[in-house]
Amino acid sequence: MSRIGKKPVIVPSGVEVKINAGDISVIGPKGTLPLTLHPHVTAKLEENNVLVQVKNPDLKEDKALWGLYRAIIANMIRGVTEGFEKKLEVNGVGYRAAVSGNKLVLNLGFSHPVEMEIPQGLTATVEKNVITVSGIDRQAVGQLAAVIRSQKPPEPYKGKGIRYIDEVVRRKAGKAAKAVGA
């Protein structure tokens, strides 16, 4: 049995959960998030808890879906109450980020600035060299942060590029340091 899937998801006050056939929607102070459930997964609302069940709890695939959908519903409830945010740091001489309108403009040492459209429902802000992506959908926030990071991932010699605030970049010595030791 799925240990995560068996746990009920507590619905805090101020959050409304609607369950219809194979759809679930969570409405809270920050917005609304819809979800279509897998055919093997069902959800029901009892008191202030959402309980997730699967058709056959002995099948490996159903156990995985059980925990997955329970975690997704818990993240939806957390998203409409608190929201999610990812912070990225831009390192490098001349590397800059700015938000203009609905676009994130990155100067990353290319011959042209990289312009990225900020999707509906997400916000991006820039303070000094830190980009903050926030929104109510955890998957969308993580996806936008990953796309921003992929424009110029951190390199191991000088650490230039875009990285998450809590990411540790393993540094390499380089040619000059290697020659001194020989």
C-alpha atoms as a PDB file:
ATOM      1  CA  MET A   1       0.000   0.000   0.000  1.00  0.00           C
ATOM      2  CA  SER A   2       1.116   3.536  -0.661  1.00  0.00           C
ATOM      3  CA  ARG A   3       2.156   5.259   2.546  1.00  0.00           C
ATOM      4  CA  ILE A   4       1.806   8.740   1.079  1.00  0.00           C
ATOM      5  CA  GLY A   5      -1.459   7.940  -0.717  1.00  0.00           C
ATOM      6  CA  LYS A   6      -3.182   6.708   2.451  1.00  0.00           C
ATOM      7  CA  LYS A   7      -2.679  10.020   4.273  1.00  0.00           C
ATOM      8  CA  PRO A   8      -5.666  12.378   4.055  1.00  0.00           C
ATOM      9  CA  VAL A   9      -5.099  15.870   2.649  1.00  0.00           C
ATOM     10  CA  ILE A  10      -6.332  18.452   5.151  1.00  0.00           C
ATOM     11  CA  VAL A  11      -8.365  21.275   3.616  1.00  0.00           C
ATOM     12  CA  PRO A  12      -7.766  24.526   5.566  1.00  0.00           C
ATOM     13  CA  SER A  13     -10.481  27.107   6.140  1.00  0.00           C
ATOM     14  CA  GLY A  14     -10.889  29.501   3.235  1.00  0.00           C
ATOM     15  CA  VAL A  15     -10.229  26.750   0.674  1.00  0.00           C
ATOM     16  CA  GLU A  16     -13.017  25.031  -1.251  1.00  0.00           C
ATOM     17  CA  VAL A  17     -12.548  21.660  -2.971  1.00  0.00           C
ATOM     18  CA  LYS A  18     -15.038  20.534  -5.644  1.00  0.00           C
ATOM     19  CA  ILE A  19     -14.967  16.951  -6.915  1.00  0.00           C
ATOM     20  CA  ASN A  20     -16.981  15.933 -10.021  1.00  0.00           C
ATOM     21  CA  ALA A  21     -16.606  12.471 -11.605  1.00  0.00           C
ATOM     22  CA  GLY A  22     -12.949  12.534 -12.739  1.00  0.00           C
ATOM     23  CA  ASP A  23     -12.235  16.208 -12.097  1.00  0.00           C
ATOM     24  CA  ILE A  24     -11.183  18.099  -8.999  1.00  0.00           C
ATOM     25  CA  SER A  25     -10.874  21.858  -8.564  1.00  0.00           C
ATOM     26  CA  VAL A  26      -9.374  23.744  -5.643  1.00  0.00           C
ATOM     27  CA  ILE A  27     -10.512  27.329  -5.001  1.00  0.00           C
ATOM     28  CA  GLY A  28      -8.624  29.504  -2.528  1.00  0.00           C
ATOM     29  CA  PRO A  29      -7.647  33.085  -1.776  1.00  0.00           C
ATOM     30  CA  LYS A  30      -4.906  33.146  -4.438  1.00  0.00           C
ATOM     31  CA  GLY A  31      -6.866  31.520  -7.268  1.00  0.00           C
ATOM     32  CA  THR A  32      -8.298  28.324  -8.732  1.00  0.00           C
ATOM     33  CA  LEU A  33      -6.492  25.167  -9.867  1.00  0.00           C
ATOM     34  CA  PRO A  34      -8.210  22.364 -11.866  1.00  0.00           C
ATOM     35  CA  LEU A  35      -7.036  18.739 -12.190  1.00  0.00           C
ATOM     36  CA  THR A  36      -8.290  15.768 -14.205  1.00  0.00           C
ATOM     37  CA  LEU A  37      -7.780  12.514 -12.340  1.00  0.00           C
ATOM     38  CA  HIS A  38      -6.389   9.322 -13.883  1.00  0.00           C
ATOM     39  CA  PRO A  39      -9.114   6.708 -14.581  1.00  0.00           C
ATOM     40  CA  HIS A  40      -7.693   4.422 -11.850  1.00  0.00           C
ATOM     41  CA  VAL A  41      -7.770   7.186  -9.209  1.00  0.00           C
ATOM     42  CA  THR A  42     -10.771   8.500  -7.277  1.00  0.00           C
ATOM     43  CA  ALA A  43     -10.994  11.258  -4.688  1.00  0.00           C
ATOM     44  CA  LYS A  44     -13.678  11.986  -2.129  1.00  0.00           C
ATOM     45  CA  LEU A  45     -14.257  14.775   0.350  1.00  0.00           C
ATOM     46  CA  GLU A  46     -15.002  13.783   3.949  1.00  0.00           C
ATOM     47  CA  GLU A  47     -15.381  16.579   6.514  1.00  0.00           C
ATOM     48  CA  ASN A  48     -12.254  18.733   5.936  1.00  0.00           C
ATOM     49  CA  ASN A  49     -10.154  15.999   4.344  1.00  0.00           C
ATOM     50  CA  VAL A  50      -9.621  14.800   0.791  1.00  0.00           C
ATOM     51  CA  LEU A  51      -9.128  11.027   0.591  1.00  0.00           C
ATOM     52  CA  VAL A  52      -7.514   9.507  -2.496  1.00  0.00           C
ATOM     53  CA  GLN A  53      -8.204   5.891  -3.531  1.00  0.00           C
ATOM     54  CA  VAL A  54      -7.141   3.670  -6.434  1.00  0.00           C
ATOM     55  CA  LYS A  55      -8.945   0.778  -8.148  1.00  0.00           C
ATOM     56  CA  ASN A  56      -6.381  -1.907  -7.261  1.00  0.00           C
ATOM     57  CA  PRO A  57      -4.014  -1.008  -4.384  1.00  0.00           C
ATOM     58  CA  ASP A  58      -1.921  -4.149  -5.025  1.00  0.00           C
ATOM     59  CA  LEU A  59      -0.749  -3.130  -8.522  1.00  0.00           C
ATOM     60  CA  LYS A  60       2.594  -1.323  -8.640  1.00  0.00           C
ATOM     61  CA  GLU A  61       1.342   1.258 -11.164  1.00  0.00           C
ATOM     62  CA  ASP A  62      -1.738   2.044  -9.068  1.00  0.00           C
ATOM     63  CA  LYS A  63       0.376   2.443  -5.910  1.00  0.00           C
ATOM     64  CA  ALA A  64       2.546   4.975  -7.752  1.00  0.00           C
ATOM     65  CA  LEU A  65      -0.518   6.866  -9.018  1.00  0.00           C
ATOM     66  CA  TRP A  66      -2.002   6.842  -5.510  1.00  0.00           C
ATOM     67  CA  GLY A  67       0.935   8.682  -3.952  1.00  0.00           C
ATOM     68  CA  LEU A  68       1.370  10.930  -6.990  1.00  0.00           C
ATOM     69  CA  TYR A  69      -2.197  12.229  -7.054  1.00  0.00           C
ATOM     70  CA  ARG A  70      -2.305  12.671  -3.285  1.00  0.00           C
ATOM     71  CA  ALA A  71       0.871  14.815  -3.522  1.00  0.00           C
ATOM     72  CA  ILE A  72      -0.509  16.797  -6.477  1.00  0.00           C
ATOM     73  CA  ILE A  73      -3.746  17.581  -4.594  1.00  0.00           C
ATOM     74  CA  ALA A  74      -1.765  18.595  -1.487  1.00  0.00           C
ATOM     75  CA  ASN A  75       0.368  20.912  -3.664  1.00  0.00           C
ATOM     76  CA  MET A  76      -2.762  22.421  -5.221  1.00  0.00           C
ATOM     77  CA  ILE A  77      -4.141  23.238  -1.771  1.00  0.00           C
ATOM     78  CA  ARG A  78      -0.802  24.691  -0.671  1.00  0.00           C
ATOM     79  CA  GLY A  79      -0.585  26.690  -3.915  1.00  0.00           C
ATOM     80  CA  VAL A  80      -3.951  28.437  -3.532  1.00  0.00           C
ATOM     81  CA  THR A  81      -3.170  29.337   0.108  1.00  0.00           C
ATOM     82  CA  GLU A  82       0.578  30.154   0.162  1.00  0.00           C
ATOM     83  CA  GLY A  83       1.809  29.929  -3.432  1.00  0.00           C
ATOM     84  CA  PHE A  84       5.194  28.710  -4.665  1.00  0.00           C
ATOM     85  CA  GLU A  85       8.391  30.518  -5.568  1.00  0.00           C
ATOM     86  CA  LYS A  86      11.795  29.698  -7.035  1.00  0.00           C
ATOM     87  CA  LYS A  87      14.813  31.980  -6.918  1.00  0.00           C
ATOM     88  CA  LEU A  88      17.579  31.982  -9.509  1.00  0.00           C
ATOM     89  CA  GLU A  89      20.872  33.843  -9.374  1.00  0.00           C
ATOM     90  CA  VAL A  90      22.593  35.340 -12.440  1.00  0.00           C
ATOM     91  CA  ASN A  91      26.414  35.236 -12.151  1.00  0.00           C
ATOM     92  CA  GLY A  92      28.877  36.649 -14.675  1.00  0.00           C
ATOM     93  CA  VAL A  93      30.432  39.907 -15.814  1.00  0.00           C
ATOM     94  CA  GLY A  94      27.862  41.793 -17.893  1.00  0.00           C
ATOM     95  CA  TYR A  95      25.120  39.224 -17.257  1.00  0.00           C
ATOM     96  CA  ARG A  96      21.854  40.981 -16.415  1.00  0.00           C
ATOM     97  CA  ALA A  97      18.153  40.236 -16.115  1.00  0.00           C
ATOM     98  CA  ALA A  98      15.195  42.610 -16.319  1.00  0.00           C
ATOM     99  CA  VAL A  99      11.425  42.390 -16.576  1.00  0.00           C
ATOM    100  CA  SER A 100       9.737  44.593 -19.162  1.00  0.00           C
ATOM    101  CA  GLY A 101       5.986  44.182 -19.363  1.00  0.00           C
ATOM    102  CA  ASN A 102       5.181  40.499 -19.754  1.00  0.00           C
ATOM    103  CA  LYS A 103       8.712  39.550 -20.855  1.00  0.00           C
ATOM    104  CA  LEU A 104      11.863  38.559 -19.032  1.00  0.00           C
ATOM    105  CA  VAL A 105      14.925  39.984 -20.815  1.00  0.00           C
ATOM    106  CA  LEU A 106      18.242  38.208 -20.158  1.00  0.00           C
ATOM    107  CA  ASN A 107      21.640  39.562 -21.267  1.00  0.00           C
ATOM    108  CA  LEU A 108      23.875  36.491 -21.028  1.00  0.00           C
ATOM    109  CA  GLY A 109      26.868  37.266 -23.206  1.00  0.00           C
ATOM    110  CA  PHE A 110      25.178  36.258 -26.454  1.00  0.00           C
ATOM    111  CA  SER A 111      25.118  38.587 -29.462  1.00  0.00           C
ATOM    112  CA  HIS A 112      21.482  39.376 -28.646  1.00  0.00           C
ATOM    113  CA  PRO A 113      19.356  39.602 -25.495  1.00  0.00           C
ATOM    114  CA  VAL A 114      17.196  36.549 -24.753  1.00  0.00           C
ATOM    115  CA  GLU A 115      13.522  37.483 -24.367  1.00  0.00           C
ATOM    116  CA  MET A 116      11.193  35.040 -22.641  1.00  0.00           C
ATOM    117  CA  GLU A 117       7.425  35.329 -22.376  1.00  0.00           C
ATOM    118  CA  ILE A 118       6.149  34.975 -18.785  1.00  0.00           C
ATOM    119  CA  PRO A 119       3.157  32.567 -18.861  1.00  0.00           C
ATOM    120  CA  GLN A 120      -0.288  33.566 -17.611  1.00  0.00           C
ATOM    121  CA  GLY A 121      -0.652  33.034 -13.855  1.00  0.00           C
ATOM    122  CA  LEU A 122       3.062  33.391 -13.075  1.00  0.00           C
ATOM    123  CA  THR A 123       5.055  36.441 -12.040  1.00  0.00           C
ATOM    124  CA  ALA A 124       8.756  37.093 -12.361  1.00  0.00           C
ATOM    125  CA  THR A 125      10.635  39.841 -10.540  1.00  0.00           C
ATOM    126  CA  VAL A 126      14.284  40.834 -10.621  1.00  0.00           C
ATOM    127  CA  GLU A 127      16.252  42.407  -7.766  1.00  0.00           C
ATOM    128  CA  LYS A 128      19.953  42.997  -8.451  1.00  0.00           C
ATOM    129  CA  ASN A 129      21.042  39.618  -9.849  1.00  0.00           C
ATOM    130  CA  VAL A 130      18.234  37.440  -8.385  1.00  0.00           C
ATOM    131  CA  ILE A 131      15.234  36.350 -10.474  1.00  0.00           C
ATOM    132  CA  THR A 132      12.171  35.288  -8.447  1.00  0.00           C
ATOM    133  CA  VAL A 133       9.492  33.202 -10.187  1.00  0.00           C
ATOM    134  CA  SER A 134       6.232  32.806  -8.259  1.00  0.00           C
ATOM    135  CA  GLY A 135       2.723  31.485  -8.797  1.00  0.00           C
ATOM    136  CA  ILE A 136       0.089  29.081  -7.476  1.00  0.00           C
ATOM    137  CA  ASP A 137       0.890  26.108  -9.757  1.00  0.00           C
ATOM    138  CA  ARG A 138       3.992  24.281  -8.501  1.00  0.00           C
ATOM    139  CA  GLN A 139       4.636  22.524 -11.813  1.00  0.00           C
ATOM    140  CA  ALA A 140       4.427  25.746 -13.847  1.00  0.00           C
ATOM    141  CA  VAL A 141       6.749  27.629 -11.449  1.00  0.00           C
ATOM    142  CA  GLY A 142       9.333  24.839 -11.582  1.00  0.00           C
ATOM    143  CA  GLN A 143       9.065  24.562 -15.376  1.00  0.00           C
ATOM    144  CA  LEU A 144       9.604  28.295 -15.958  1.00  0.00           C
ATOM    145  CA  ALA A 145      12.560  28.313 -13.548  1.00  0.00           C
ATOM    146  CA  ALA A 146      14.080  25.331 -15.374  1.00  0.00           C
ATOM    147  CA  VAL A 147      13.633  27.016 -18.774  1.00  0.00           C
ATOM    148  CA  ILE A 148      15.269  30.217 -17.481  1.00  0.00           C
ATOM    149  CA  ARG A 149      18.199  28.211 -16.045  1.00  0.00           C
ATOM    150  CA  SER A 150      18.610  26.270 -19.313  1.00  0.00           C
ATOM    151  CA  GLN A 151      19.375  29.521 -21.194  1.00  0.00           C
ATOM    152  CA  LYS A 152      22.857  29.594 -19.608  1.00  0.00           C
ATOM    153  CA  PRO A 153      23.529  26.807 -17.051  1.00  0.00           C
ATOM    154  CA  PRO A 154      26.393  27.435 -14.614  1.00  0.00           C
ATOM    155  CA  GLU A 155      29.791  26.361 -15.906  1.00  0.00           C
ATOM    156  CA  PRO A 156      32.289  24.588 -13.582  1.00  0.00           C
ATOM    157  CA  TYR A 157      35.379  26.791 -14.076  1.00  0.00           C
ATOM    158  CA  LYS A 158      34.239  30.299 -13.131  1.00  0.00           C
ATOM    159  CA  GLY A 159      30.652  29.568 -12.050  1.00  0.00           C
ATOM    160  CA  LYS A 160      29.170  31.921 -14.666  1.00  0.00           C
ATOM    161  CA  GLY A 161      25.577  31.364 -15.694  1.00  0.00           C
ATOM    162  CA  ILE A 162      22.151  31.045 -14.102  1.00  0.00           C
ATOM    163  CA  ARG A 163      21.667  28.776 -11.088  1.00  0.00           C
ATOM    164  CA  TYR A 164      19.151  28.198  -8.325  1.00  0.00           C
ATOM    165  CA  ILE A 165      19.928  30.067  -5.091  1.00  0.00           C
ATOM    166  CA  ASP A 166      20.413  26.827  -3.137  1.00  0.00           C
ATOM    167  CA  GLU A 167      22.284  25.015  -5.962  1.00  0.00           C
ATOM    168  CA  VAL A 168      25.923  24.110  -5.370  1.00  0.00           C
ATOM    169  CA  VAL A 169      28.129  24.243  -8.474  1.00  0.00           C
ATOM    170  CA  ARG A 170      31.148  21.948  -8.237  1.00  0.00           C
ATOM    171  CA  ARG A 171      34.153  23.931  -9.384  1.00  0.00           C
ATOM    172  CA  LYS A 172      37.073  22.553 -11.403  1.00  0.00           C
ATOM    173  CA  ALA A 173      40.684  23.703 -11.029  1.00  0.00           C
ATOM    174  CA  GLY A 174      41.451  24.539 -14.649  1.00  0.00           C
ATOM    175  CA  LYS A 175      44.598  24.313 -16.758  1.00  0.00           C
ATOM    176  CA  ALA A 176      46.860  26.781 -14.891  1.00  0.00           C
ATOM    177  CA  ALA A 177      46.316  25.187 -11.476  1.00  0.00           C
ATOM    178  CA  LYS A 178      46.985  21.754 -12.913  1.00  0.00           C
ATOM    179  CA  ALA A 179      50.319  22.805 -14.470  1.00  0.00           C
ATOM    180  CA  VAL A 180      51.582  24.271 -11.157  1.00  0.00           C
ATOM    181  CA  GLY A 181      51.064  20.942  -9.355  1.00  0.00           C
ATOM    182  CA  ALA A 182      52.988  18.908 -11.993  1.00  0.00           C
END
